[in-house]
Amino acid sequence: MESRTHVAHYAATMARELCRMCRKVELDDLAYLLEVAAAEATKVKQRNGSAPDAVQLSA
């Protein structure tokens, strides 16, 4: 089981890295969407217990 904070941190990190790569090759629309995703994940990371901390990840 992963914590909500850990998942949000990972998602924000990956989205920012993908955004950087997209900007580099001028995929600006995709980069913008990734920026929004990173911002949303950062908001989740910063909440103070407004939602349950644990989530179950499954493939």
Protein backbone atom coordinates (compact mmCIF):
# COMPACT_ATOMS: atom_id res chain seq x y z
CA MET A 1 0.00 0.00 0.00
CA GLU A 2 1.33 3.42 -0.96
CA SER A 3 0.54 6.61 0.88
CA ARG A 4 -1.34 9.38 -0.91
CA THR A 5 1.56 11.78 -0.27
CA HIS A 6 4.14 9.41 -1.79
CA VAL A 7 2.02 8.83 -4.88
CA ALA A 8 1.44 12.58 -5.33
CA HIS A 9 5.16 13.31 -4.94
CA TYR A 10 6.07 10.65 -7.51
CA ALA A 11 3.40 11.86 -9.96
CA ALA A 12 4.54 15.49 -9.61
CA THR A 13 8.18 14.55 -10.14
CA MET A 14 7.46 12.44 -13.21
CA ALA A 15 5.09 15.01 -14.73
CA ARG A 16 7.68 17.78 -14.33
CA GLU A 17 10.38 15.64 -15.97
CA LEU A 18 8.10 14.69 -18.86
CA CYS A 19 7.10 18.34 -19.22
CA ARG A 20 10.75 19.36 -19.47
CA MET A 21 11.34 16.75 -22.17
CA CYS A 22 8.26 17.83 -24.12
CA ARG A 23 9.26 21.50 -24.01
CA LYS A 24 12.70 20.56 -25.33
CA VAL A 25 11.19 19.03 -28.48
CA GLU A 26 8.45 21.68 -28.80
CA LEU A 27 5.48 19.51 -27.79
CA ASP A 28 4.00 22.56 -26.10
CA ASP A 29 0.38 21.40 -25.76
CA LEU A 30 1.45 18.18 -24.08
CA ALA A 31 3.91 20.08 -21.90
CA TYR A 32 1.12 22.37 -20.74
CA LEU A 33 -1.06 19.40 -19.75
CA LEU A 34 1.85 17.91 -17.83
CA GLU A 35 2.38 21.22 -16.02
CA VAL A 36 -1.26 21.16 -14.94
CA ALA A 37 -0.90 17.55 -13.76
CA ALA A 38 2.23 18.43 -11.77
CA ALA A 39 0.47 21.39 -10.18
CA GLU A 40 -2.50 19.22 -9.20
CA ALA A 41 -0.23 16.57 -7.70
CA THR A 42 1.61 19.25 -5.73
CA LYS A 43 -1.72 20.50 -4.35
CA VAL A 44 -2.56 16.98 -3.16
CA LYS A 45 0.89 16.72 -1.57
CA GLN A 46 0.36 19.93 0.39
CA ARG A 47 -3.10 19.18 1.81
CA ASN A 48 -3.20 18.62 5.52
CA GLY A 49 -5.11 15.41 5.99
CA SER A 50 -8.20 16.40 4.03
CA ALA A 51 -8.36 12.90 2.52
CA PRO A 52 -7.33 9.42 3.64
CA ASP A 53 -3.57 8.98 3.57
CA ALA A 54 -3.45 5.45 2.16
CA VAL A 55 -4.50 4.33 -1.30
CA GLN A 56 -4.30 0.90 -2.88
CA LEU A 57 -2.50 0.79 -6.23
CA SER A 58 -3.29 -1.98 -8.68
CA ALA A 59 -2.34 -2.64 -12.27
